[in-house]
N, C-alpha and C. Protein backbone atom coordinates (compact mmCIF):
# COMPACT_ATOMS: atom_id res chain seq x y z
N MET A 1 70.11 25.55 6.41
CA MET A 1 69.91 24.09 6.93
C MET A 1 68.37 24.62 7.54
N ALA A 2 67.58 23.45 7.97
CA ALA A 2 66.32 23.55 8.50
C ALA A 2 66.19 24.22 9.85
N LYS A 3 65.17 25.13 10.08
CA LYS A 3 65.31 25.48 11.28
C LYS A 3 64.88 24.79 12.41
N ILE A 4 65.09 24.57 13.37
CA ILE A 4 65.38 23.86 14.85
C ILE A 4 63.92 23.89 15.41
N SER A 5 63.35 22.79 15.46
CA SER A 5 62.14 22.77 16.55
C SER A 5 62.26 23.16 18.04
N LYS A 6 61.14 23.74 18.39
CA LYS A 6 61.29 24.06 19.74
C LYS A 6 61.45 22.49 20.45
N GLU A 7 61.11 21.64 20.38
CA GLU A 7 60.96 20.55 20.82
C GLU A 7 62.33 19.89 20.98
N ASP A 8 63.40 20.23 19.79
CA ASP A 8 64.37 19.55 19.99
C ASP A 8 65.24 20.12 21.18
N ASN A 9 66.21 19.18 21.85
CA ASN A 9 66.97 19.62 22.91
C ASN A 9 67.78 20.66 23.08
N ASN A 10 68.54 20.68 21.58
CA ASN A 10 69.55 21.94 21.09
C ASN A 10 68.65 23.34 20.87
N TYR A 11 67.44 23.63 21.17
CA TYR A 11 66.71 24.84 20.48
C TYR A 11 67.27 25.64 21.11
N VAL A 12 67.81 25.94 22.53
CA VAL A 12 68.36 26.86 23.23
C VAL A 12 69.45 27.52 22.42
N TYR A 13 70.43 26.28 21.96
CA TYR A 13 71.50 26.99 21.35
C TYR A 13 71.36 27.44 19.96
N TYR A 14 69.84 27.30 19.26
CA TYR A 14 69.98 27.84 18.07
C TYR A 14 69.78 29.42 18.16
N TRP A 15 68.67 29.91 19.33
CA TRP A 15 68.61 31.06 19.79
C TRP A 15 69.98 31.91 20.07
N VAL A 16 70.44 31.37 21.03
CA VAL A 16 71.78 32.08 21.47
C VAL A 16 72.61 32.21 20.39
N GLY A 17 72.92 31.27 19.64
CA GLY A 17 74.06 31.71 18.47
C GLY A 17 73.17 32.79 17.16
N LYS A 18 71.97 32.77 17.15
CA LYS A 18 71.61 33.90 16.14
C LYS A 18 71.51 34.98 17.36
N ASN A 19 71.24 35.25 18.37
CA ASN A 19 71.20 36.55 19.15
C ASN A 19 72.97 36.92 19.32
N ILE A 20 73.61 35.90 19.47
CA ILE A 20 75.10 36.60 19.29
C ILE A 20 75.51 37.27 17.88
N LYS A 21 74.93 36.43 16.85
CA LYS A 21 75.08 37.07 15.51
C LYS A 21 74.37 38.47 15.63
N LYS A 22 73.23 38.59 15.84
CA LYS A 22 72.41 39.74 15.77
C LYS A 22 73.38 41.05 16.46
N TYR A 23 73.48 40.71 17.55
CA TYR A 23 74.02 41.67 18.70
C TYR A 23 75.26 42.09 18.15
N ARG A 24 76.58 41.04 17.47
CA ARG A 24 77.71 41.46 16.81
C ARG A 24 77.60 42.25 15.71
N LYS A 25 76.61 41.87 14.73
CA LYS A 25 76.42 42.48 13.68
C LYS A 25 75.69 44.22 13.94
N GLN A 26 75.04 44.29 14.91
CA GLN A 26 74.81 45.57 15.55
C GLN A 26 75.74 46.25 15.85
N LYS A 27 76.74 45.80 16.49
CA LYS A 27 77.74 46.59 16.90
C LYS A 27 78.87 46.54 15.96
N GLY A 28 78.87 46.43 14.74
CA GLY A 28 79.48 46.46 13.58
C GLY A 28 80.97 45.58 13.82
N LEU A 29 80.90 44.29 14.29
CA LEU A 29 81.90 43.67 14.61
C LEU A 29 81.97 42.41 13.52
N THR A 30 83.13 41.81 13.05
CA THR A 30 83.19 40.56 12.48
C THR A 30 83.30 39.59 13.47
N GLN A 31 83.29 38.23 13.15
CA GLN A 31 83.53 37.37 13.77
C GLN A 31 84.71 37.40 14.68
N LYS A 32 85.67 37.91 13.65
CA LYS A 32 87.12 37.76 14.10
C LYS A 32 87.36 38.67 14.86
N GLU A 33 87.02 40.05 14.91
CA GLU A 33 87.06 41.10 15.96
C GLU A 33 86.46 40.54 17.32
N LEU A 34 85.32 40.09 17.61
CA LEU A 34 84.59 39.76 18.50
C LEU A 34 85.53 38.68 18.98
N ALA A 35 85.73 37.41 18.32
CA ALA A 35 86.67 36.39 18.83
C ALA A 35 87.94 37.11 19.54
N GLU A 36 88.70 38.29 19.18
CA GLU A 36 89.80 38.68 19.41
C GLU A 36 89.82 39.29 20.49
N GLN A 37 88.37 40.06 21.07
CA GLN A 37 87.99 40.79 22.39
C GLN A 37 87.74 39.99 23.20
N CYS A 38 87.36 38.57 22.88
CA CYS A 38 86.86 37.58 24.04
C CYS A 38 87.84 36.76 24.14
N SER A 39 88.85 36.53 23.42
CA SER A 39 90.39 35.58 23.37
C SER A 39 89.68 34.36 23.19
N TYR A 40 88.77 34.27 22.00
CA TYR A 40 88.74 32.93 21.42
C TYR A 40 88.66 32.93 20.39
N THR A 41 88.63 31.88 19.39
CA THR A 41 89.06 31.65 17.98
C THR A 41 87.90 32.39 17.27
N GLU A 42 88.35 32.67 15.95
CA GLU A 42 87.28 33.04 15.09
C GLU A 42 86.20 31.82 14.78
N ASN A 43 86.64 30.51 14.64
CA ASN A 43 86.05 29.60 14.77
C ASN A 43 85.05 28.85 15.69
N PHE A 44 85.48 29.04 16.86
CA PHE A 44 84.53 29.25 18.23
C PHE A 44 83.25 30.11 17.95
N ILE A 45 83.60 31.31 17.90
CA ILE A 45 82.58 32.30 17.61
C ILE A 45 81.38 31.56 16.35
N GLY A 46 82.11 31.52 15.52
CA GLY A 46 81.46 31.03 14.30
C GLY A 46 80.50 29.54 14.38
N ASP A 47 81.15 28.79 15.26
CA ASP A 47 80.45 27.60 15.93
C ASP A 47 79.15 28.07 16.81
N LEU A 48 79.54 28.99 17.48
CA LEU A 48 78.22 29.33 18.27
C LEU A 48 77.34 29.90 17.45
N GLU A 49 77.80 30.54 16.62
CA GLU A 49 76.55 31.32 15.56
C GLU A 49 75.74 30.42 14.66
N ASN A 50 76.35 29.26 14.34
CA ASN A 50 75.78 28.62 13.16
C ASN A 50 74.89 27.08 13.67
N ASP A 51 74.37 26.30 12.88
CA ASP A 51 73.45 25.33 13.51
C ASP A 51 74.10 24.11 13.84
N THR A 52 75.30 24.16 14.16
CA THR A 52 76.12 23.05 14.75
C THR A 52 75.81 22.62 15.83
N PHE A 53 75.28 23.52 16.96
CA PHE A 53 74.99 23.53 18.27
C PHE A 53 76.13 22.87 19.23
N LYS A 54 77.04 23.56 18.95
CA LYS A 54 78.16 23.28 20.20
C LYS A 54 77.87 23.60 21.54
N THR A 55 78.23 23.04 22.39
CA THR A 55 77.77 23.69 23.85
C THR A 55 78.86 24.86 24.46
N CYS A 56 78.49 25.56 25.35
CA CYS A 56 79.48 26.58 25.72
C CYS A 56 78.62 26.57 27.23
N SER A 57 79.81 27.30 28.24
CA SER A 57 79.14 27.50 29.65
C SER A 57 78.68 28.57 29.67
N LEU A 58 77.68 29.00 30.85
CA LEU A 58 77.40 30.07 31.03
C LEU A 58 78.23 31.44 31.33
N ASN A 59 79.50 31.01 31.80
CA ASN A 59 80.68 31.85 31.50
C ASN A 59 81.17 32.36 30.55
N THR A 60 80.98 31.82 29.51
CA THR A 60 81.57 32.28 28.16
C THR A 60 80.51 32.94 27.85
N LEU A 61 79.11 32.63 28.02
CA LEU A 61 77.84 33.45 27.34
C LEU A 61 77.99 35.05 27.83
N TYR A 62 78.07 34.59 29.47
CA TYR A 62 78.44 35.89 30.32
C TYR A 62 79.47 37.24 29.34
N TYR A 63 80.57 36.52 29.31
CA TYR A 63 81.96 37.21 28.79
C TYR A 63 81.52 37.55 27.53
N ILE A 64 80.99 36.79 26.66
CA ILE A 64 80.45 37.32 25.15
C ILE A 64 79.53 38.69 25.53
N SER A 65 78.38 38.48 26.02
CA SER A 65 77.37 39.66 26.37
C SER A 65 77.97 40.63 26.83
N LYS A 66 79.05 40.71 27.96
CA LYS A 66 79.76 41.76 28.12
C LYS A 66 80.42 42.53 27.20
N GLN A 67 80.93 41.88 26.18
CA GLN A 67 81.89 42.34 24.94
C GLN A 67 80.81 42.97 23.99
N LEU A 68 79.76 42.13 24.03
CA LEU A 68 78.64 42.88 23.34
C LEU A 68 77.85 44.25 23.66
N GLY A 69 78.15 44.08 24.81
CA GLY A 69 77.48 45.27 25.72
C GLY A 69 75.94 45.26 26.08
N ILE A 70 75.84 44.05 26.00
CA ILE A 70 74.06 43.69 26.34
C ILE A 70 73.92 42.65 27.50
N HIS A 71 72.97 42.58 28.43
CA HIS A 71 72.67 41.59 29.46
C HIS A 71 72.85 40.45 28.67
N MET A 72 73.25 39.20 29.61
CA MET A 72 73.37 37.87 29.36
C MET A 72 71.68 37.48 28.64
N LYS A 73 70.64 37.54 29.62
CA LYS A 73 69.49 37.25 28.90
C LYS A 73 69.06 37.50 27.76
N ASP A 74 69.74 38.98 27.29
CA ASP A 74 69.07 39.18 25.86
C ASP A 74 69.81 37.93 24.96
N LEU A 75 70.52 37.33 24.96
CA LEU A 75 71.14 36.31 24.37
C LEU A 75 70.10 35.03 24.26
N PHE A 76 69.08 35.02 25.11
CA PHE A 76 67.73 33.86 25.46
C PHE A 76 66.59 34.51 25.08
N ASP A 77 66.72 35.73 24.09
CA ASP A 77 65.54 36.14 23.83
C ASP A 77 65.15 35.66 22.09
N GLU A 78 63.91 35.34 22.14
CA GLU A 78 63.27 34.84 21.08
C GLU A 78 63.40 36.08 19.94
N LEU A 79 63.74 35.76 18.56
CA LEU A 79 63.95 36.46 17.71
C LEU A 79 62.85 37.15 17.15
N GLU A 80 62.78 38.50 16.74
CA GLU A 80 61.56 39.21 16.27
C GLU A 80 61.06 38.46 15.33
N GLU A 81 61.67 38.41 14.18
CA GLU A 81 60.98 37.73 12.74
C GLU A 81 60.48 36.49 13.36
N ASP A 82 60.88 35.49 14.06
CA ASP A 82 60.42 34.48 14.73
C ASP A 82 58.91 34.61 15.35
N LYS A 83 59.19 35.61 16.37
CA LYS A 83 58.04 35.84 17.31
C LYS A 83 56.73 36.14 16.13
N LYS A 84 57.23 36.94 15.24
CA LYS A 84 55.79 37.25 14.47
C LYS A 84 55.43 36.24 13.68
N LYS A 85 56.22 35.04 13.04
CA LYS A 85 55.86 33.97 12.71
C LYS A 85 55.04 33.26 13.75
N SER A 86 55.24 33.12 14.59
CA SER A 86 54.23 32.45 15.97
C SER A 86 53.29 32.98 16.16
N ASP A 87 53.33 34.61 16.24
CA ASP A 87 51.85 35.09 16.46
C ASP A 87 50.92 34.95 15.22
N ASN A 88 51.41 34.79 14.02
CA ASN A 88 50.42 34.73 12.72
C ASN A 88 50.13 33.33 12.80
N LYS A 89 50.50 32.53 13.31
CA LYS A 89 49.76 31.27 13.38
C LYS A 89 48.51 30.90 14.27
């Protein structure tokens, strides 16, 4: 899928999803394992991580961040590889 533009209203979902995936993988969890820890479905975690831009509550993001052992604000950080691309422009 094409990268989403910063001007798109769904831009924040792009970052959040990519960060959930990044931290989940760093912790060595599958989508299924994270879903089970959070009492969500594997499909829900997959939807958050991909570019379908489904909405979710702040409470959901807070709970996921706790299961990943990170601060919720970390889910909103720009990814390093995209920062480098922006810095080189």
